[in-house]
N, C-alpha and C. Protein backbone atom coordinates (compact mmCIF):
# COMPACT_ATOMS: atom_id res chain seq x y z
N LEU A 1 4.87 -15.36 17.95
CA LEU A 1 4.51 -15.95 16.67
C LEU A 1 4.45 -17.47 16.79
N ARG A 2 3.47 -18.05 16.10
CA ARG A 2 3.38 -19.50 16.04
C ARG A 2 3.02 -19.91 14.62
N ASN A 3 3.50 -21.11 14.26
CA ASN A 3 3.18 -21.68 12.95
C ASN A 3 3.47 -20.69 11.82
N ALA A 4 4.64 -20.06 11.88
CA ALA A 4 5.02 -19.10 10.84
C ALA A 4 5.40 -19.84 9.56
N ARG A 5 4.95 -19.30 8.44
CA ARG A 5 5.27 -19.85 7.13
C ARG A 5 5.61 -18.72 6.18
N ALA A 6 6.63 -18.92 5.36
CA ALA A 6 7.01 -17.88 4.40
C ALA A 6 7.79 -18.49 3.26
N THR A 7 7.76 -17.82 2.14
CA THR A 7 8.61 -18.16 1.01
C THR A 7 9.75 -17.16 0.98
N ALA A 8 10.99 -17.66 1.08
CA ALA A 8 12.16 -16.79 1.13
C ALA A 8 12.82 -16.72 -0.24
N THR A 9 13.12 -15.49 -0.65
CA THR A 9 13.81 -15.26 -1.93
C THR A 9 15.06 -14.44 -1.66
N PHE A 10 16.23 -14.97 -2.06
CA PHE A 10 17.50 -14.28 -1.89
C PHE A 10 17.95 -13.70 -3.23
N ARG A 11 18.44 -12.46 -3.19
CA ARG A 11 19.01 -11.86 -4.40
C ARG A 11 20.05 -10.83 -3.96
N ASP A 12 21.32 -11.15 -4.23
CA ASP A 12 22.43 -10.29 -3.80
C ASP A 12 22.33 -10.05 -2.29
N ALA A 13 22.21 -8.80 -1.89
CA ALA A 13 22.13 -8.47 -0.46
C ALA A 13 20.69 -8.35 0.03
N HIS A 14 19.75 -8.86 -0.76
CA HIS A 14 18.33 -8.72 -0.45
C HIS A 14 17.73 -10.06 -0.02
N LEU A 15 16.88 -10.01 0.97
CA LEU A 15 16.09 -11.16 1.38
C LEU A 15 14.64 -10.73 1.49
N GLU A 16 13.77 -11.46 0.80
CA GLU A 16 12.34 -11.17 0.86
C GLU A 16 11.59 -12.39 1.38
N LEU A 17 10.74 -12.15 2.38
CA LEU A 17 9.84 -13.17 2.89
C LEU A 17 8.44 -12.81 2.42
N LYS A 18 7.97 -13.49 1.38
CA LYS A 18 6.69 -13.15 0.77
C LYS A 18 6.17 -14.36 0.02
N PRO A 19 4.97 -14.81 0.39
CA PRO A 19 4.11 -14.29 1.46
C PRO A 19 4.59 -14.79 2.82
N PHE A 20 4.20 -14.07 3.85
CA PHE A 20 4.49 -14.44 5.23
C PHE A 20 3.16 -14.61 5.94
N GLU A 21 3.00 -15.72 6.68
CA GLU A 21 1.78 -15.97 7.45
C GLU A 21 2.15 -16.56 8.79
N ALA A 22 1.40 -16.20 9.84
CA ALA A 22 1.66 -16.75 11.17
C ALA A 22 0.47 -16.50 12.08
N GLN A 23 0.41 -17.28 13.16
CA GLN A 23 -0.52 -16.99 14.24
C GLN A 23 0.16 -15.97 15.15
N LEU A 24 -0.56 -14.92 15.50
CA LEU A 24 0.03 -13.82 16.26
C LEU A 24 -0.89 -13.41 17.39
N LEU A 25 -0.46 -13.62 18.63
CA LEU A 25 -1.17 -13.16 19.81
C LEU A 25 -2.66 -13.55 19.79
N GLY A 26 -2.90 -14.81 19.47
CA GLY A 26 -4.26 -15.32 19.46
C GLY A 26 -5.02 -15.05 18.18
N GLY A 27 -4.43 -14.29 17.27
CA GLY A 27 -5.06 -14.00 15.98
C GLY A 27 -4.16 -14.47 14.85
N SER A 28 -4.25 -13.80 13.72
CA SER A 28 -3.46 -14.19 12.56
C SER A 28 -2.83 -12.96 11.92
N ALA A 29 -1.71 -13.17 11.23
CA ALA A 29 -1.03 -12.08 10.53
C ALA A 29 -0.53 -12.59 9.20
N ARG A 30 -0.56 -11.72 8.22
CA ARG A 30 -0.03 -12.06 6.90
C ARG A 30 0.57 -10.80 6.28
N GLY A 31 1.53 -11.00 5.40
CA GLY A 31 2.15 -9.84 4.77
C GLY A 31 3.48 -10.21 4.17
N SER A 32 4.46 -9.29 4.27
CA SER A 32 5.78 -9.53 3.69
C SER A 32 6.83 -8.73 4.44
N PHE A 33 8.08 -9.24 4.38
CA PHE A 33 9.24 -8.56 4.93
C PHE A 33 10.31 -8.49 3.84
N ALA A 34 10.92 -7.34 3.67
CA ALA A 34 11.99 -7.17 2.69
C ALA A 34 13.20 -6.57 3.40
N PHE A 35 14.32 -7.32 3.44
CA PHE A 35 15.53 -6.89 4.12
C PHE A 35 16.60 -6.54 3.08
N ASP A 36 17.31 -5.45 3.33
CA ASP A 36 18.41 -5.02 2.47
C ASP A 36 19.65 -4.93 3.35
N ALA A 37 20.55 -5.91 3.24
CA ALA A 37 21.72 -5.95 4.10
C ALA A 37 22.66 -4.78 3.83
N ALA A 38 22.78 -4.35 2.58
CA ALA A 38 23.69 -3.25 2.24
C ALA A 38 23.24 -1.95 2.90
N LYS A 39 21.94 -1.71 2.89
CA LYS A 39 21.40 -0.48 3.48
C LYS A 39 20.98 -0.65 4.94
N LYS A 40 21.08 -1.90 5.44
CA LYS A 40 20.66 -2.22 6.80
C LYS A 40 19.24 -1.73 7.06
N SER A 41 18.36 -2.08 6.12
CA SER A 41 16.98 -1.59 6.17
C SER A 41 15.99 -2.74 6.07
N VAL A 42 14.76 -2.46 6.46
CA VAL A 42 13.68 -3.43 6.35
C VAL A 42 12.40 -2.71 5.97
N ARG A 43 11.61 -3.35 5.14
CA ARG A 43 10.27 -2.85 4.80
C ARG A 43 9.28 -3.93 5.19
N ILE A 44 8.21 -3.51 5.89
CA ILE A 44 7.22 -4.46 6.40
C ILE A 44 5.83 -4.08 5.91
N GLU A 45 5.14 -5.05 5.35
CA GLU A 45 3.72 -4.93 5.01
C GLU A 45 3.00 -5.98 5.84
N LEU A 46 2.07 -5.55 6.70
CA LEU A 46 1.47 -6.49 7.63
C LEU A 46 -0.02 -6.22 7.81
N ASP A 47 -0.81 -7.29 7.78
CA ASP A 47 -2.24 -7.23 8.10
C ASP A 47 -2.51 -8.26 9.19
N GLY A 48 -3.04 -7.79 10.31
CA GLY A 48 -3.36 -8.68 11.42
C GLY A 48 -4.85 -8.67 11.70
N GLU A 49 -5.40 -9.83 12.07
CA GLU A 49 -6.81 -9.97 12.39
C GLU A 49 -6.97 -10.63 13.75
N ARG A 50 -7.83 -10.07 14.59
CA ARG A 50 -8.15 -10.61 15.90
C ARG A 50 -6.89 -10.81 16.75
N VAL A 51 -5.96 -9.89 16.63
CA VAL A 51 -4.77 -9.88 17.46
C VAL A 51 -5.18 -9.39 18.86
N SER A 52 -4.84 -10.11 19.90
CA SER A 52 -5.35 -9.84 21.25
C SER A 52 -4.51 -8.77 21.96
N PHE A 53 -5.16 -7.67 22.34
CA PHE A 53 -4.50 -6.65 23.14
C PHE A 53 -4.14 -7.20 24.52
N GLU A 54 -5.01 -8.05 25.05
CA GLU A 54 -4.74 -8.69 26.34
C GLU A 54 -3.45 -9.51 26.28
N ARG A 55 -3.29 -10.30 25.23
CA ARG A 55 -2.09 -11.13 25.06
C ARG A 55 -0.87 -10.26 24.85
N TRP A 56 -1.02 -9.17 24.10
CA TRP A 56 0.11 -8.27 23.84
C TRP A 56 0.64 -7.70 25.15
N LEU A 57 -0.26 -7.27 26.04
CA LEU A 57 0.16 -6.73 27.33
C LEU A 57 0.88 -7.80 28.16
N LYS A 58 0.33 -9.00 28.22
CA LYS A 58 0.91 -10.06 29.03
C LYS A 58 2.28 -10.46 28.53
N GLU A 59 2.46 -10.56 27.23
CA GLU A 59 3.74 -11.00 26.69
C GLU A 59 4.81 -9.92 26.78
N ARG A 60 4.38 -8.67 27.01
CA ARG A 60 5.34 -7.60 27.28
C ARG A 60 5.68 -7.51 28.76
N GLY A 61 5.03 -8.34 29.59
CA GLY A 61 5.27 -8.31 31.01
C GLY A 61 4.55 -7.20 31.74
N SER A 62 3.53 -6.62 31.10
CA SER A 62 2.79 -5.53 31.72
C SER A 62 1.96 -6.03 32.89
N LYS A 63 1.86 -5.23 33.95
CA LYS A 63 1.03 -5.56 35.09
C LYS A 63 -0.38 -5.02 34.94
N LEU A 64 -0.65 -4.31 33.86
CA LEU A 64 -1.99 -3.78 33.60
C LEU A 64 -2.96 -4.94 33.42
N ARG A 65 -4.07 -4.90 34.16
CA ARG A 65 -5.06 -5.97 34.06
C ARG A 65 -6.12 -5.59 33.03
N PHE A 66 -6.09 -6.25 31.91
CA PHE A 66 -6.99 -5.96 30.79
C PHE A 66 -7.40 -7.29 30.18
N SER A 67 -8.69 -7.42 29.84
CA SER A 67 -9.17 -8.64 29.19
C SER A 67 -9.86 -8.29 27.88
N GLY A 68 -9.68 -9.18 26.91
CA GLY A 68 -10.31 -8.95 25.60
C GLY A 68 -9.50 -8.00 24.74
N GLY A 69 -10.21 -7.26 23.91
CA GLY A 69 -9.56 -6.30 23.03
C GLY A 69 -9.03 -6.90 21.74
N PRO A 70 -9.86 -7.60 20.95
CA PRO A 70 -9.39 -8.10 19.66
C PRO A 70 -9.08 -6.94 18.72
N MET A 71 -7.94 -6.99 18.04
CA MET A 71 -7.50 -5.88 17.21
C MET A 71 -7.31 -6.27 15.75
N THR A 72 -7.63 -5.32 14.88
CA THR A 72 -7.24 -5.39 13.49
C THR A 72 -6.07 -4.43 13.31
N VAL A 73 -4.99 -4.93 12.73
CA VAL A 73 -3.76 -4.14 12.58
C VAL A 73 -3.37 -4.10 11.11
N LYS A 74 -3.02 -2.90 10.63
CA LYS A 74 -2.53 -2.77 9.27
C LYS A 74 -1.31 -1.86 9.29
N ALA A 75 -0.20 -2.32 8.74
CA ALA A 75 1.03 -1.54 8.75
C ALA A 75 1.73 -1.62 7.40
N SER A 76 2.28 -0.49 6.98
CA SER A 76 3.12 -0.43 5.78
C SER A 76 4.27 0.50 6.12
N ILE A 77 5.33 -0.06 6.69
CA ILE A 77 6.38 0.75 7.29
C ILE A 77 7.76 0.31 6.82
N ALA A 78 8.73 1.21 6.99
CA ALA A 78 10.12 0.93 6.65
C ALA A 78 11.01 1.61 7.68
N GLY A 79 12.18 1.01 7.91
CA GLY A 79 13.14 1.59 8.83
C GLY A 79 14.53 1.07 8.53
N ALA A 80 15.53 1.70 9.12
CA ALA A 80 16.91 1.30 8.89
C ALA A 80 17.76 1.67 10.09
N GLY A 81 18.89 0.96 10.25
CA GLY A 81 19.79 1.30 11.34
C GLY A 81 20.64 0.12 11.77
N GLU A 82 21.57 0.40 12.68
CA GLU A 82 22.51 -0.59 13.18
C GLU A 82 21.88 -1.51 14.22
N SER A 83 20.80 -1.07 14.87
CA SER A 83 20.18 -1.85 15.94
C SER A 83 18.66 -1.76 15.82
N MET A 84 17.96 -2.59 16.60
CA MET A 84 16.50 -2.52 16.60
C MET A 84 16.02 -1.16 17.08
N GLN A 85 16.75 -0.56 18.03
CA GLN A 85 16.38 0.77 18.50
C GLN A 85 16.52 1.80 17.39
N ASP A 86 17.58 1.68 16.60
CA ASP A 86 17.76 2.58 15.46
C ASP A 86 16.63 2.41 14.45
N VAL A 87 16.26 1.16 14.18
CA VAL A 87 15.18 0.90 13.23
C VAL A 87 13.88 1.51 13.74
N ALA A 88 13.57 1.30 15.03
CA ALA A 88 12.35 1.86 15.61
C ALA A 88 12.36 3.38 15.53
N GLY A 89 13.52 3.99 15.72
CA GLY A 89 13.62 5.44 15.68
C GLY A 89 13.54 6.02 14.29
N SER A 90 13.59 5.17 13.25
CA SER A 90 13.51 5.66 11.88
C SER A 90 12.23 5.25 11.17
N ILE A 91 11.34 4.57 11.87
CA ILE A 91 10.11 4.04 11.27
C ILE A 91 9.37 5.13 10.49
N THR A 92 9.01 4.80 9.26
CA THR A 92 8.25 5.72 8.41
C THR A 92 7.15 4.93 7.71
N GLY A 93 5.93 5.47 7.75
CA GLY A 93 4.80 4.82 7.11
C GLY A 93 3.59 4.76 8.02
N PRO A 94 2.44 4.36 7.48
CA PRO A 94 1.20 4.34 8.28
C PRO A 94 0.98 3.04 9.04
N ILE A 95 0.44 3.17 10.25
CA ILE A 95 -0.01 2.04 11.05
C ILE A 95 -1.41 2.37 11.55
N THR A 96 -2.36 1.48 11.31
CA THR A 96 -3.72 1.68 11.82
C THR A 96 -4.09 0.51 12.72
N LEU A 97 -4.77 0.83 13.82
CA LEU A 97 -5.21 -0.16 14.79
C LEU A 97 -6.68 0.06 15.08
N ARG A 98 -7.44 -1.01 15.14
CA ARG A 98 -8.84 -0.94 15.54
C ARG A 98 -9.09 -2.06 16.54
N MET A 99 -9.59 -1.68 17.73
CA MET A 99 -9.79 -2.65 18.79
C MET A 99 -11.27 -2.80 19.12
N GLY A 100 -11.69 -4.04 19.34
CA GLY A 100 -13.06 -4.32 19.74
C GLY A 100 -13.21 -4.31 21.26
N PRO A 101 -14.30 -4.87 21.78
CA PRO A 101 -14.60 -4.77 23.21
C PRO A 101 -13.51 -5.35 24.10
N GLY A 102 -13.26 -4.66 25.21
CA GLY A 102 -12.29 -5.12 26.20
C GLY A 102 -12.57 -4.45 27.54
N ARG A 103 -11.97 -4.97 28.60
CA ARG A 103 -12.20 -4.42 29.94
C ARG A 103 -10.88 -4.19 30.66
N PHE A 104 -10.76 -3.01 31.24
CA PHE A 104 -9.65 -2.67 32.10
C PHE A 104 -10.08 -2.90 33.54
N HIS A 105 -9.33 -3.74 34.26
CA HIS A 105 -9.71 -4.12 35.62
C HIS A 105 -8.80 -3.43 36.63
N SER A 106 -9.41 -2.72 37.56
CA SER A 106 -8.64 -2.02 38.60
C SER A 106 -9.57 -1.68 39.76
N ASP A 107 -9.02 -1.72 40.96
CA ASP A 107 -9.81 -1.33 42.12
C ASP A 107 -10.21 0.14 42.06
N HIS A 108 -9.50 0.92 41.23
CA HIS A 108 -9.78 2.36 41.15
C HIS A 108 -10.34 2.75 39.78
N ALA A 109 -10.86 1.75 39.05
CA ALA A 109 -11.36 2.01 37.70
C ALA A 109 -12.48 3.04 37.70
N GLY A 110 -13.43 2.90 38.63
CA GLY A 110 -14.55 3.84 38.69
C GLY A 110 -14.09 5.25 38.99
N GLU A 111 -13.14 5.40 39.91
CA GLU A 111 -12.62 6.73 40.23
C GLU A 111 -11.92 7.34 39.02
N MET A 112 -11.18 6.50 38.28
CA MET A 112 -10.46 7.00 37.11
C MET A 112 -11.41 7.54 36.06
N GLU A 113 -12.45 6.77 35.76
CA GLU A 113 -13.37 7.21 34.71
C GLU A 113 -14.21 8.40 35.17
N GLN A 114 -14.58 8.43 36.44
CA GLN A 114 -15.32 9.58 36.93
C GLN A 114 -14.46 10.85 36.85
N MET A 115 -13.19 10.74 37.21
CA MET A 115 -12.27 11.86 37.13
C MET A 115 -12.09 12.31 35.68
N MET A 116 -12.06 11.34 34.76
CA MET A 116 -11.81 11.64 33.36
C MET A 116 -12.99 12.35 32.71
N THR A 117 -14.21 12.02 33.13
CA THR A 117 -15.39 12.55 32.44
C THR A 117 -16.19 13.54 33.27
N HIS A 118 -15.92 13.62 34.57
CA HIS A 118 -16.75 14.40 35.47
C HIS A 118 -18.20 13.89 35.45
N ALA A 119 -18.37 12.63 35.07
CA ALA A 119 -19.72 12.04 35.03
C ALA A 119 -20.02 11.43 36.39
N PHE A 120 -21.29 11.11 36.60
CA PHE A 120 -21.69 10.54 37.88
C PHE A 120 -21.73 9.02 37.79
N ALA A 121 -20.66 8.43 37.29
CA ALA A 121 -20.54 6.97 37.26
C ALA A 121 -20.24 6.48 38.66
N ALA A 122 -20.59 5.22 38.91
CA ALA A 122 -20.35 4.66 40.25
C ALA A 122 -18.86 4.57 40.51
N LYS A 123 -18.42 5.11 41.65
CA LYS A 123 -17.00 5.13 41.96
C LYS A 123 -16.49 3.77 42.42
N ASP A 124 -17.40 2.87 42.82
CA ASP A 124 -16.95 1.60 43.37
C ASP A 124 -16.85 0.51 42.32
N THR A 125 -17.01 0.84 41.04
CA THR A 125 -16.89 -0.18 40.00
C THR A 125 -15.44 -0.62 39.88
N SER A 126 -15.24 -1.89 39.51
CA SER A 126 -13.89 -2.45 39.46
C SER A 126 -13.33 -2.57 38.06
N ASP A 127 -14.05 -2.08 37.06
CA ASP A 127 -13.50 -2.12 35.72
C ASP A 127 -14.08 -1.01 34.85
N VAL A 128 -13.42 -0.77 33.72
CA VAL A 128 -13.90 0.15 32.70
C VAL A 128 -14.13 -0.67 31.44
N ALA A 129 -15.34 -0.62 30.91
CA ALA A 129 -15.69 -1.41 29.73
C ALA A 129 -15.46 -0.58 28.47
N PHE A 130 -14.47 -0.97 27.68
CA PHE A 130 -14.20 -0.32 26.41
C PHE A 130 -15.07 -0.94 25.33
N GLU A 131 -15.79 -0.09 24.60
CA GLU A 131 -16.58 -0.57 23.47
C GLU A 131 -15.72 -0.71 22.23
N CYS A 132 -14.82 0.24 22.02
CA CYS A 132 -13.94 0.21 20.86
C CYS A 132 -12.81 1.22 21.06
N ALA A 133 -11.76 1.06 20.28
CA ALA A 133 -10.65 2.01 20.27
C ALA A 133 -10.01 1.95 18.90
N SER A 134 -9.39 3.06 18.48
CA SER A 134 -8.72 3.06 17.19
C SER A 134 -7.56 4.04 17.20
N ALA A 135 -6.60 3.79 16.33
CA ALA A 135 -5.46 4.69 16.16
C ALA A 135 -5.08 4.70 14.69
N SER A 136 -4.80 5.88 14.16
CA SER A 136 -4.32 6.02 12.80
C SER A 136 -3.04 6.83 12.86
N LEU A 137 -1.91 6.14 12.78
CA LEU A 137 -0.61 6.74 13.05
C LEU A 137 0.21 6.83 11.77
N ALA A 138 0.54 8.05 11.36
CA ALA A 138 1.38 8.27 10.19
C ALA A 138 2.79 8.58 10.69
N PHE A 139 3.65 7.58 10.70
CA PHE A 139 5.00 7.76 11.23
C PHE A 139 5.94 8.36 10.20
N ARG A 140 6.82 9.22 10.69
CA ARG A 140 7.90 9.77 9.88
C ARG A 140 9.13 9.88 10.78
N ASN A 141 10.17 9.13 10.44
CA ASN A 141 11.40 9.11 11.24
C ASN A 141 11.11 8.82 12.71
N GLY A 142 10.29 7.82 12.94
CA GLY A 142 10.05 7.35 14.29
C GLY A 142 9.01 8.11 15.09
N ARG A 143 8.36 9.09 14.49
CA ARG A 143 7.38 9.89 15.22
C ARG A 143 6.09 9.96 14.41
N ALA A 144 4.97 9.95 15.12
CA ALA A 144 3.66 10.05 14.48
C ALA A 144 2.98 11.32 14.96
N SER A 145 2.36 12.05 14.04
CA SER A 145 1.64 13.25 14.44
C SER A 145 0.42 13.40 13.55
N GLY A 146 -0.57 14.16 14.06
CA GLY A 146 -1.77 14.38 13.29
C GLY A 146 -2.92 14.78 14.17
N ASN A 147 -4.07 15.02 13.56
CA ASN A 147 -5.28 15.38 14.28
C ASN A 147 -6.20 14.18 14.40
N LYS A 148 -6.76 14.01 15.59
CA LYS A 148 -7.73 12.94 15.83
C LYS A 148 -7.18 11.57 15.44
N ILE A 149 -5.95 11.27 15.94
CA ILE A 149 -5.32 10.03 15.51
C ILE A 149 -5.52 8.88 16.48
N VAL A 150 -5.89 9.16 17.72
CA VAL A 150 -6.13 8.10 18.69
C VAL A 150 -7.44 8.39 19.41
N GLY A 151 -8.29 7.39 19.54
CA GLY A 151 -9.55 7.60 20.24
C GLY A 151 -10.08 6.31 20.81
N PHE A 152 -10.92 6.43 21.84
CA PHE A 152 -11.61 5.25 22.35
C PHE A 152 -12.96 5.65 22.90
N ARG A 153 -13.80 4.65 23.08
CA ARG A 153 -15.13 4.86 23.62
C ARG A 153 -15.40 3.79 24.67
N THR A 154 -15.89 4.22 25.84
CA THR A 154 -16.32 3.29 26.88
C THR A 154 -17.82 3.46 27.05
N THR A 155 -18.39 2.71 27.96
CA THR A 155 -19.82 2.84 28.20
C THR A 155 -20.17 4.19 28.81
N ALA A 156 -19.17 4.91 29.37
CA ALA A 156 -19.46 6.19 30.03
C ALA A 156 -18.75 7.37 29.40
N SER A 157 -17.77 7.15 28.53
CA SER A 157 -16.98 8.27 28.04
C SER A 157 -16.42 7.99 26.66
N ARG A 158 -15.90 9.04 26.05
CA ARG A 158 -15.17 8.89 24.79
C ARG A 158 -14.01 9.87 24.81
N LEU A 159 -12.92 9.52 24.16
CA LEU A 159 -11.73 10.36 24.15
C LEU A 159 -11.16 10.38 22.75
N LEU A 160 -10.69 11.56 22.33
CA LEU A 160 -10.09 11.73 21.02
C LEU A 160 -8.88 12.62 21.15
N THR A 161 -7.76 12.23 20.55
CA THR A 161 -6.53 13.01 20.69
C THR A 161 -5.91 13.32 19.34
N SER A 162 -5.13 14.39 19.33
CA SER A 162 -4.15 14.62 18.27
C SER A 162 -2.82 14.65 18.98
N SER A 163 -1.74 14.17 18.33
CA SER A 163 -0.53 13.97 19.12
C SER A 163 0.73 13.96 18.28
N THR A 164 1.84 14.04 19.00
CA THR A 164 3.15 13.69 18.48
C THR A 164 3.68 12.61 19.39
N ASP A 165 4.07 11.46 18.82
CA ASP A 165 4.38 10.31 19.62
C ASP A 165 5.65 9.65 19.10
N ALA A 166 6.53 9.22 20.00
CA ALA A 166 7.75 8.50 19.63
C ALA A 166 7.66 7.07 20.12
N PRO A 167 7.79 6.06 19.24
CA PRO A 167 7.62 4.68 19.67
C PRO A 167 8.68 4.20 20.63
N ILE A 168 9.87 4.83 20.66
CA ILE A 168 10.93 4.37 21.55
C ILE A 168 11.10 5.28 22.74
N SER A 169 10.21 6.29 22.89
CA SER A 169 10.30 7.20 24.02
C SER A 169 9.88 6.49 25.30
N PRO A 170 10.72 6.50 26.36
CA PRO A 170 10.35 5.79 27.58
C PRO A 170 9.24 6.45 28.35
N THR A 171 9.11 7.79 28.28
CA THR A 171 8.04 8.50 28.97
C THR A 171 7.48 9.56 28.07
N ARG A 172 6.15 9.77 28.17
CA ARG A 172 5.49 10.81 27.37
C ARG A 172 4.43 11.44 28.24
N ARG A 173 4.12 12.68 27.96
CA ARG A 173 3.02 13.34 28.64
C ARG A 173 1.99 13.75 27.62
N ALA A 174 0.75 13.82 28.06
CA ALA A 174 -0.32 14.05 27.11
C ALA A 174 -1.38 14.97 27.68
N ARG A 175 -2.03 15.67 26.79
CA ARG A 175 -3.27 16.35 27.09
C ARG A 175 -4.31 15.79 26.16
N SER A 176 -5.42 15.32 26.70
CA SER A 176 -6.44 14.69 25.87
C SER A 176 -7.81 15.08 26.39
N ARG A 177 -8.72 15.37 25.48
CA ARG A 177 -10.06 15.80 25.86
C ARG A 177 -11.01 14.63 25.80
N SER A 178 -11.73 14.42 26.89
CA SER A 178 -12.74 13.36 26.92
C SER A 178 -14.10 13.96 27.13
N ARG A 179 -15.11 13.26 26.62
CA ARG A 179 -16.49 13.68 26.76
C ARG A 179 -17.32 12.49 27.22
N PRO A 180 -18.37 12.76 27.98
CA PRO A 180 -19.23 11.65 28.39
C PRO A 180 -20.06 11.16 27.22
N THR A 181 -20.44 9.90 27.26
CA THR A 181 -21.37 9.40 26.28
C THR A 181 -22.78 9.80 26.69
N ARG A 182 -23.75 9.48 25.86
CA ARG A 182 -25.13 9.85 26.12
C ARG A 182 -25.57 9.38 27.50
N GLY A 183 -26.21 10.26 28.23
CA GLY A 183 -26.67 9.93 29.57
C GLY A 183 -25.74 10.38 30.67
N SER A 184 -24.52 10.90 30.30
CA SER A 184 -23.59 11.42 31.29
C SER A 184 -23.43 12.90 31.05
N ARG A 185 -22.69 13.59 31.94
CA ARG A 185 -22.51 15.02 31.81
C ARG A 185 -21.06 15.40 32.00
N GLY A 186 -20.65 16.52 31.33
CA GLY A 186 -19.36 17.11 31.60
C GLY A 186 -18.28 16.71 30.63
N THR A 187 -17.21 17.50 30.61
CA THR A 187 -16.02 17.20 29.84
C THR A 187 -14.81 17.48 30.71
N SER A 188 -13.68 16.91 30.36
CA SER A 188 -12.46 17.22 31.08
C SER A 188 -11.28 17.06 30.16
N THR A 189 -10.19 17.72 30.50
CA THR A 189 -8.94 17.58 29.78
C THR A 189 -7.91 17.04 30.74
N ARG A 190 -7.30 15.91 30.41
CA ARG A 190 -6.38 15.25 31.30
C ARG A 190 -4.97 15.34 30.78
N THR A 191 -3.99 15.39 31.69
CA THR A 191 -2.59 15.36 31.34
C THR A 191 -1.92 14.26 32.13
N GLY A 192 -1.09 13.45 31.48
CA GLY A 192 -0.44 12.40 32.24
C GLY A 192 0.53 11.60 31.40
N PRO A 193 1.35 10.74 32.04
CA PRO A 193 2.31 9.95 31.32
C PRO A 193 1.66 8.84 30.53
N GLY A 194 2.34 8.41 29.45
CA GLY A 194 1.90 7.26 28.70
C GLY A 194 0.87 7.54 27.63
N LEU A 195 0.50 8.85 27.47
CA LEU A 195 -0.43 9.23 26.42
C LEU A 195 0.30 10.14 25.44
N PRO A 196 -0.27 10.39 24.26
CA PRO A 196 0.38 11.29 23.32
C PRO A 196 0.63 12.66 23.94
N GLU A 197 1.65 13.36 23.43
CA GLU A 197 2.10 14.58 24.07
C GLU A 197 1.15 15.76 23.92
N ARG A 198 0.50 15.91 22.78
CA ARG A 198 -0.33 17.07 22.54
C ARG A 198 -1.69 16.61 22.09
N ALA A 199 -2.73 17.10 22.69
CA ALA A 199 -4.06 16.60 22.34
C ALA A 199 -5.09 17.70 22.44
N THR A 200 -6.18 17.53 21.68
CA THR A 200 -7.32 18.43 21.77
C THR A 200 -8.59 17.60 21.85
């Protein structure tokens, strides 16, 4: 966060930051935070514009090479607990993400996408070009589930999942169905770590 600004209102065991504005990961965020010390709870309303997925990965220390990916983020969530982990495990409310163009860079990018789509894309390509991605996550007690809640589209493929996902889970396995975009052939269903657990 940079250049954060907020109006703070105290009342008994309550603290409200409203409105709240800041620069966030190369973009901007605005919304409100409401803390209840007696219940050890927080409610967050947040709207983010042009938040960089590339910056988010770098600031988390990820070694994944990705460039671009401007995101629109909208969240209306609440949680409670003794620690940040407890709060994350109790998150309830909707979070939606929409990402614009970005590129995943890897020496094996072409092999990965060919394996994912069974398409005849060039295996020697060094990146995967994402046209867009989106997620619509309805969290309840730290878990999100639903149909067609996460999807993305590249120049050669598209993927859509339904899932059950835990934000504090260190490992997850997923089954997700991908299809080639126009001009490619074949479909495949992939299973692997780091994706939602159940997918169609």
